[in-house]
């Protein structure tokens, strides 16, 4: 199960990289914002759901508590993305007109996305190390037989 978790954690990192691509392509699209960022927004909701399911899978796979927590942190940061978007929109004028305050708050959306990517990469790296380690598979305190 640890190898499957490592694979899914790596997939999460790749999906987050795709999310950055969709954000950049939406930013340079000439269509209205709602249309430009539709794929980015949809994938974002999918990422949160995937991160929640991955956290549950990490617990079922009996991964270390810190790794389970870090996986849950990715989901929490994903929820934070929607909150940042909502707060930024509250600062904006009516319609699609951004204010300076709204733009500054919305800048945190990108910073939070980078933090999500960094945490997800750390989860994937640790999961791969655990899946390769024979020491992680044996119970604590059990000596390895001499060869």
Protein backbone atom coordinates (compact mmCIF):
# COMPACT_ATOMS: atom_id res chain seq x y z
CA UNK A 1 0.00 0.00 0.00
CA UNK A 2 2.95 2.31 0.60
CA UNK A 3 4.00 2.07 -3.04
CA UNK A 4 0.47 2.94 -4.16
CA UNK A 5 0.45 5.91 -1.79
CA UNK A 6 3.81 7.07 -3.15
CA UNK A 7 2.47 6.81 -6.70
CA UNK A 8 -0.71 8.75 -5.83
CA UNK A 9 1.31 11.40 -3.96
CA UNK A 10 3.51 11.85 -7.04
CA UNK A 11 0.37 12.14 -9.17
CA UNK A 12 -0.83 14.92 -6.86
CA UNK A 13 2.39 16.85 -7.50
CA UNK A 14 1.94 16.47 -11.27
CA UNK A 15 -1.68 17.61 -11.08
CA UNK A 16 -0.62 20.67 -9.09
CA UNK A 17 1.90 21.49 -11.82
CA UNK A 18 -0.90 21.25 -14.40
CA UNK A 19 -2.92 23.61 -12.19
CA UNK A 20 -0.19 26.25 -12.51
CA UNK A 21 -0.27 25.81 -16.29
CA UNK A 22 -4.04 26.31 -16.34
CA UNK A 23 -3.72 29.44 -14.17
CA UNK A 24 -1.15 30.92 -16.52
CA UNK A 25 -3.13 30.10 -19.64
CA UNK A 26 -6.27 31.56 -18.04
CA UNK A 27 -4.41 34.75 -17.14
CA UNK A 28 -3.40 35.31 -20.75
CA UNK A 29 -6.75 34.33 -22.26
CA UNK A 30 -8.81 37.13 -23.81
CA UNK A 31 -12.13 35.63 -22.70
CA UNK A 32 -13.87 36.95 -19.55
CA UNK A 33 -12.38 35.73 -16.26
CA UNK A 34 -15.20 33.29 -15.54
CA UNK A 35 -14.53 31.51 -18.83
CA UNK A 36 -10.74 31.86 -18.75
CA UNK A 37 -10.32 30.22 -15.37
CA UNK A 38 -13.11 27.63 -15.65
CA UNK A 39 -10.68 24.68 -16.12
CA UNK A 40 -8.37 26.01 -13.40
CA UNK A 41 -11.26 26.33 -10.97
CA UNK A 42 -12.67 22.87 -11.79
CA UNK A 43 -9.31 21.17 -11.38
CA UNK A 44 -8.82 23.05 -8.11
CA UNK A 45 -11.95 21.48 -6.65
CA UNK A 46 -10.76 18.11 -7.92
CA UNK A 47 -7.37 18.62 -6.25
CA UNK A 48 -9.03 19.29 -2.89
CA UNK A 49 -11.14 16.14 -3.22
CA UNK A 50 -8.10 14.10 -4.31
CA UNK A 51 -6.04 15.43 -1.38
CA UNK A 52 -8.82 14.52 1.09
CA UNK A 53 -9.07 11.00 -0.35
CA UNK A 54 -5.27 10.70 -0.32
CA UNK A 55 -5.22 11.69 3.36
CA UNK A 56 -7.73 8.95 4.15
CA UNK A 57 -5.69 6.48 2.11
CA UNK A 58 -2.53 7.51 3.99
CA UNK A 59 -4.24 6.72 7.28
CA UNK A 60 -5.49 3.37 5.99
CA UNK A 61 -2.00 2.55 4.71
CA UNK A 62 -0.69 3.29 8.21
CA UNK A 63 1.72 5.93 7.02
CA UNK A 64 3.54 7.92 9.74
CA UNK A 65 1.37 10.53 11.46
CA UNK A 66 3.42 13.43 10.17
CA UNK A 67 2.95 12.25 6.58
CA UNK A 68 -0.80 11.89 7.11
CA UNK A 69 -0.89 15.41 8.55
CA UNK A 70 1.10 16.86 5.68
CA UNK A 71 -1.24 15.23 3.18
CA UNK A 72 -4.19 16.73 5.06
CA UNK A 73 -2.41 20.08 4.98
CA UNK A 74 -2.47 20.01 1.18
CA UNK A 75 -6.26 19.59 1.35
CA UNK A 76 -6.56 22.39 3.90
CA UNK A 77 -4.45 24.73 1.79
CA UNK A 78 -6.68 23.86 -1.17
CA UNK A 79 -9.73 24.95 0.80
CA UNK A 80 -7.79 28.09 1.67
CA UNK A 81 -7.48 28.83 -2.05
CA UNK A 82 -11.25 29.26 -2.30
CA UNK A 83 -11.28 31.42 0.81
CA UNK A 84 -8.56 33.67 -0.58
CA UNK A 85 -10.50 34.03 -3.82
CA UNK A 86 -13.66 34.94 -1.90
CA UNK A 87 -11.93 37.48 0.32
CA UNK A 88 -10.24 39.09 -2.69
CA UNK A 89 -13.58 39.30 -4.49
CA UNK A 90 -15.08 41.03 -1.43
CA UNK A 91 -12.48 43.79 -1.76
CA UNK A 92 -13.22 44.32 -5.45
CA UNK A 93 -15.70 46.76 -6.94
CA UNK A 94 -18.98 45.53 -8.39
CA UNK A 95 -18.60 43.70 -11.65
CA UNK A 96 -15.22 42.45 -12.78
CA UNK A 97 -13.21 45.48 -11.64
CA UNK A 98 -10.31 44.72 -9.29
CA UNK A 99 -9.16 47.10 -6.59
CA UNK A 100 -5.62 47.36 -5.28
CA UNK A 101 -6.63 45.64 -2.04
CA UNK A 102 -8.37 42.84 -3.95
CA UNK A 103 -5.35 42.34 -6.18
CA UNK A 104 -2.98 42.21 -3.21
CA UNK A 105 -5.14 39.69 -1.37
CA UNK A 106 -5.54 37.61 -4.53
CA UNK A 107 -1.75 37.52 -4.86
CA UNK A 108 -1.81 35.26 -1.81
CA UNK A 109 -3.65 32.73 -3.98
CA UNK A 110 -0.47 32.17 -6.00
CA UNK A 111 1.74 32.09 -2.91
CA UNK A 112 -0.58 29.56 -1.27
CA UNK A 113 -0.48 27.49 -4.47
CA UNK A 114 3.32 27.39 -4.28
CA UNK A 115 3.13 26.28 -0.65
CA UNK A 116 0.68 23.53 -1.67
CA UNK A 117 3.09 22.35 -4.34
CA UNK A 118 6.04 22.36 -1.91
CA UNK A 119 4.12 20.39 0.73
CA UNK A 120 2.84 17.90 -1.85
CA UNK A 121 6.39 17.43 -3.18
CA UNK A 122 7.64 16.79 0.36
CA UNK A 123 4.86 14.23 0.88
CA UNK A 124 5.74 12.47 -2.39
CA UNK A 125 9.45 12.47 -1.56
CA UNK A 126 8.88 10.99 1.92
CA UNK A 127 6.37 8.47 0.60
CA UNK A 128 8.83 7.26 -2.04
CA UNK A 129 11.56 6.93 0.60
CA UNK A 130 9.23 4.93 2.85
CA UNK A 131 8.12 2.68 0.02
CA UNK A 132 11.76 1.82 -0.79
CA UNK A 133 12.85 1.33 2.79
CA UNK A 134 12.83 -2.21 4.12
CA UNK A 135 13.34 -0.79 7.61
CA UNK A 136 9.98 0.98 7.47
CA UNK A 137 8.17 -2.29 6.80
CA UNK A 138 9.36 -4.16 9.89
CA UNK A 139 8.04 -3.45 13.37
CA UNK A 140 9.99 -1.17 15.66
CA UNK A 141 12.42 -2.91 17.98
CA UNK A 142 12.78 -6.02 15.84
CA UNK A 143 16.37 -6.75 14.95
CA UNK A 144 17.20 -7.62 11.37
CA UNK A 145 18.61 -11.17 11.05
CA UNK A 146 22.32 -11.42 10.35
CA UNK A 147 23.22 -12.36 6.79
